[in-house]
Amino acid sequence: MVRAIILVKSPKKLIAARLRKINKISDSFPVSGQFDAVAVIDVKILSEIKDITTEIQLISGVERTETMIEVQ
């Protein structure tokens, strides 16, 4: 299993709730600072991360994302 954290910049107030509706996102919550929300994903293969990130970037109001993959 591969775990990744996706940081999301979006002025939309309910972006974290919207992220939780995406398949494979196990948790999402608002944060303060440079980004507005965090999405936690668990996938079987690394290439799935790109698909989920692309889906997030297509949400209206998402300005940018940054992905961090857990290193074991």
N, C-alpha and C. Protein backbone atom coordinates (compact mmCIF):
# COMPACT_ATOMS: atom_id res chain seq x y z
N MET A 1 0.84 -1.18 0.00
CA MET A 1 0.00 0.00 0.00
C MET A 1 0.89 1.24 0.00
N VAL A 2 0.51 2.23 -0.77
CA VAL A 2 1.24 3.49 -0.86
C VAL A 2 0.36 4.59 -0.26
N ARG A 3 0.91 5.35 0.67
CA ARG A 3 0.18 6.45 1.30
C ARG A 3 0.78 7.76 0.81
N ALA A 4 -0.10 8.72 0.53
CA ALA A 4 0.34 10.04 0.10
C ALA A 4 -0.52 11.10 0.76
N ILE A 5 0.07 12.27 0.91
CA ILE A 5 -0.62 13.44 1.43
C ILE A 5 -0.67 14.46 0.29
N ILE A 6 -1.85 14.97 0.01
CA ILE A 6 -2.00 15.99 -1.03
C ILE A 6 -2.45 17.28 -0.35
N LEU A 7 -1.64 18.31 -0.51
CA LEU A 7 -1.98 19.63 0.02
C LEU A 7 -2.74 20.37 -1.07
N VAL A 8 -3.83 21.03 -0.69
CA VAL A 8 -4.70 21.68 -1.67
C VAL A 8 -4.88 23.16 -1.34
N LYS A 9 -4.64 24.01 -2.32
CA LYS A 9 -4.86 25.45 -2.19
C LYS A 9 -6.17 25.78 -2.89
N SER A 10 -7.14 26.26 -2.11
CA SER A 10 -8.44 26.61 -2.67
C SER A 10 -9.16 27.55 -1.72
N PRO A 11 -9.67 28.67 -2.22
CA PRO A 11 -10.40 29.58 -1.35
C PRO A 11 -11.79 29.06 -0.96
N LYS A 12 -12.23 27.97 -1.56
CA LYS A 12 -13.54 27.40 -1.25
C LYS A 12 -13.56 26.92 0.20
N LYS A 13 -14.55 27.34 0.95
CA LYS A 13 -14.62 27.02 2.38
C LYS A 13 -14.86 25.54 2.65
N LEU A 14 -15.57 24.86 1.80
CA LEU A 14 -15.91 23.46 2.05
C LEU A 14 -15.07 22.50 1.20
N ILE A 15 -13.87 22.91 0.82
CA ILE A 15 -13.05 22.07 -0.06
C ILE A 15 -12.70 20.74 0.61
N ALA A 16 -12.44 20.72 1.91
CA ALA A 16 -12.10 19.47 2.59
C ALA A 16 -13.26 18.47 2.52
N ALA A 17 -14.48 18.95 2.69
CA ALA A 17 -15.65 18.07 2.59
C ALA A 17 -15.80 17.54 1.17
N ARG A 18 -15.53 18.36 0.19
CA ARG A 18 -15.61 17.94 -1.22
C ARG A 18 -14.55 16.88 -1.53
N LEU A 19 -13.38 17.04 -0.96
CA LEU A 19 -12.30 16.07 -1.19
C LEU A 19 -12.66 14.70 -0.64
N ARG A 20 -13.35 14.64 0.49
CA ARG A 20 -13.72 13.36 1.10
C ARG A 20 -14.63 12.53 0.21
N LYS A 21 -15.29 13.16 -0.73
CA LYS A 21 -16.20 12.44 -1.63
C LYS A 21 -15.46 11.71 -2.75
N ILE A 22 -14.17 12.00 -2.91
CA ILE A 22 -13.39 11.36 -3.97
C ILE A 22 -12.96 9.97 -3.50
N ASN A 23 -13.16 8.99 -4.36
CA ASN A 23 -12.76 7.62 -4.07
C ASN A 23 -11.26 7.57 -3.79
N LYS A 24 -10.85 6.79 -2.83
CA LYS A 24 -9.46 6.58 -2.42
C LYS A 24 -8.94 7.62 -1.43
N ILE A 25 -9.68 8.69 -1.18
CA ILE A 25 -9.26 9.65 -0.16
C ILE A 25 -9.81 9.16 1.17
N SER A 26 -8.90 8.76 2.06
CA SER A 26 -9.34 8.19 3.33
C SER A 26 -9.65 9.25 4.38
N ASP A 27 -9.05 10.43 4.24
CA ASP A 27 -9.31 11.51 5.19
C ASP A 27 -9.01 12.84 4.52
N SER A 28 -9.68 13.86 4.96
CA SER A 28 -9.44 15.22 4.46
C SER A 28 -9.88 16.19 5.53
N PHE A 29 -9.10 17.24 5.69
CA PHE A 29 -9.43 18.23 6.72
C PHE A 29 -8.85 19.58 6.35
N PRO A 30 -9.49 20.65 6.81
CA PRO A 30 -8.97 22.00 6.55
C PRO A 30 -7.74 22.26 7.42
N VAL A 31 -6.82 23.09 6.91
CA VAL A 31 -5.62 23.47 7.65
C VAL A 31 -5.39 24.96 7.48
N SER A 32 -4.58 25.51 8.36
CA SER A 32 -4.19 26.91 8.22
C SER A 32 -2.80 26.95 7.60
N GLY A 33 -2.46 28.08 7.04
CA GLY A 33 -1.13 28.22 6.44
C GLY A 33 -1.22 28.43 4.94
N GLN A 34 -0.19 28.01 4.25
CA GLN A 34 -0.08 28.23 2.81
C GLN A 34 -1.15 27.45 2.02
N PHE A 35 -1.57 26.30 2.54
CA PHE A 35 -2.60 25.49 1.88
C PHE A 35 -3.87 25.53 2.71
N ASP A 36 -4.98 25.14 2.11
CA ASP A 36 -6.28 25.23 2.76
C ASP A 36 -6.84 23.89 3.23
N ALA A 37 -6.37 22.80 2.63
CA ALA A 37 -6.87 21.48 3.01
C ALA A 37 -5.80 20.43 2.75
N VAL A 38 -5.95 19.31 3.45
CA VAL A 38 -5.06 18.16 3.28
C VAL A 38 -5.94 16.96 2.95
N ALA A 39 -5.49 16.17 1.98
CA ALA A 39 -6.16 14.92 1.65
C ALA A 39 -5.16 13.79 1.86
N VAL A 40 -5.61 12.73 2.53
CA VAL A 40 -4.78 11.55 2.77
C VAL A 40 -5.31 10.44 1.87
N ILE A 41 -4.41 9.83 1.10
CA ILE A 41 -4.86 8.76 0.21
C ILE A 41 -4.02 7.51 0.43
N ASP A 42 -4.65 6.37 0.24
CA ASP A 42 -3.99 5.07 0.31
C ASP A 42 -4.33 4.34 -0.98
N VAL A 43 -3.30 3.99 -1.75
CA VAL A 43 -3.51 3.32 -3.03
C VAL A 43 -2.63 2.08 -3.12
N LYS A 44 -2.96 1.21 -4.04
CA LYS A 44 -2.17 -0.01 -4.21
C LYS A 44 -0.95 0.22 -5.09
N ILE A 45 -1.09 1.06 -6.11
CA ILE A 45 0.03 1.31 -7.00
C ILE A 45 0.27 2.82 -7.14
N LEU A 46 1.52 3.17 -7.29
CA LEU A 46 1.95 4.56 -7.31
C LEU A 46 1.24 5.39 -8.38
N SER A 47 0.96 4.80 -9.53
CA SER A 47 0.36 5.56 -10.63
C SER A 47 -1.05 6.07 -10.31
N GLU A 48 -1.71 5.46 -9.34
CA GLU A 48 -3.06 5.92 -8.95
C GLU A 48 -3.02 7.31 -8.33
N ILE A 49 -1.89 7.68 -7.74
CA ILE A 49 -1.77 8.99 -7.10
C ILE A 49 -1.97 10.09 -8.12
N LYS A 50 -1.40 9.93 -9.30
CA LYS A 50 -1.54 10.94 -10.35
C LYS A 50 -3.01 11.09 -10.75
N ASP A 51 -3.73 9.99 -10.87
CA ASP A 51 -5.15 10.04 -11.25
C ASP A 51 -5.97 10.81 -10.21
N ILE A 52 -5.71 10.56 -8.94
CA ILE A 52 -6.45 11.23 -7.88
C ILE A 52 -6.09 12.71 -7.84
N THR A 53 -4.81 13.01 -7.99
CA THR A 53 -4.37 14.41 -8.01
C THR A 53 -5.02 15.17 -9.16
N THR A 54 -5.09 14.56 -10.32
CA THR A 54 -5.73 15.18 -11.47
C THR A 54 -7.21 15.44 -11.18
N GLU A 55 -7.89 14.48 -10.54
CA GLU A 55 -9.30 14.66 -10.19
C GLU A 55 -9.48 15.84 -9.23
N ILE A 56 -8.58 15.97 -8.28
CA ILE A 56 -8.64 17.10 -7.34
C ILE A 56 -8.43 18.41 -8.08
N GLN A 57 -7.48 18.46 -8.99
CA GLN A 57 -7.17 19.69 -9.71
C GLN A 57 -8.31 20.13 -10.62
N LEU A 58 -9.19 19.22 -10.97
CA LEU A 58 -10.34 19.56 -11.82
C LEU A 58 -11.51 20.16 -11.03
N ILE A 59 -11.43 20.13 -9.70
CA ILE A 59 -12.49 20.72 -8.87
C ILE A 59 -12.45 22.24 -9.03
N SER A 60 -13.60 22.82 -9.26
CA SER A 60 -13.70 24.26 -9.41
C SER A 60 -13.16 24.96 -8.16
N GLY A 61 -12.26 25.90 -8.36
CA GLY A 61 -11.71 26.67 -7.25
C GLY A 61 -10.35 26.19 -6.76
N VAL A 62 -9.95 24.98 -7.14
CA VAL A 62 -8.63 24.49 -6.72
C VAL A 62 -7.57 25.24 -7.52
N GLU A 63 -6.69 25.91 -6.80
CA GLU A 63 -5.64 26.71 -7.45
C GLU A 63 -4.38 25.91 -7.70
N ARG A 64 -4.01 25.06 -6.74
CA ARG A 64 -2.83 24.21 -6.92
C ARG A 64 -2.81 23.12 -5.88
N THR A 65 -1.99 22.10 -6.14
CA THR A 65 -1.80 21.00 -5.20
C THR A 65 -0.32 20.71 -5.05
N GLU A 66 0.01 20.07 -3.97
CA GLU A 66 1.37 19.57 -3.77
C GLU A 66 1.24 18.20 -3.12
N THR A 67 1.94 17.23 -3.69
CA THR A 67 1.81 15.84 -3.23
C THR A 67 3.09 15.38 -2.56
N MET A 68 2.93 14.73 -1.43
CA MET A 68 4.04 14.13 -0.70
C MET A 68 3.74 12.65 -0.51
N ILE A 69 4.68 11.80 -0.90
CA ILE A 69 4.50 10.36 -0.79
C ILE A 69 5.26 9.85 0.43
N GLU A 70 4.61 9.02 1.22
CA GLU A 70 5.24 8.47 2.41
C GLU A 70 6.42 7.58 2.01
N VAL A 71 7.54 7.77 2.69
CA VAL A 71 8.74 6.98 2.43
C VAL A 71 8.91 6.00 3.59
N GLN A 72 9.08 4.75 3.26
CA GLN A 72 9.23 3.74 4.32
C GLN A 72 10.61 3.13 4.28
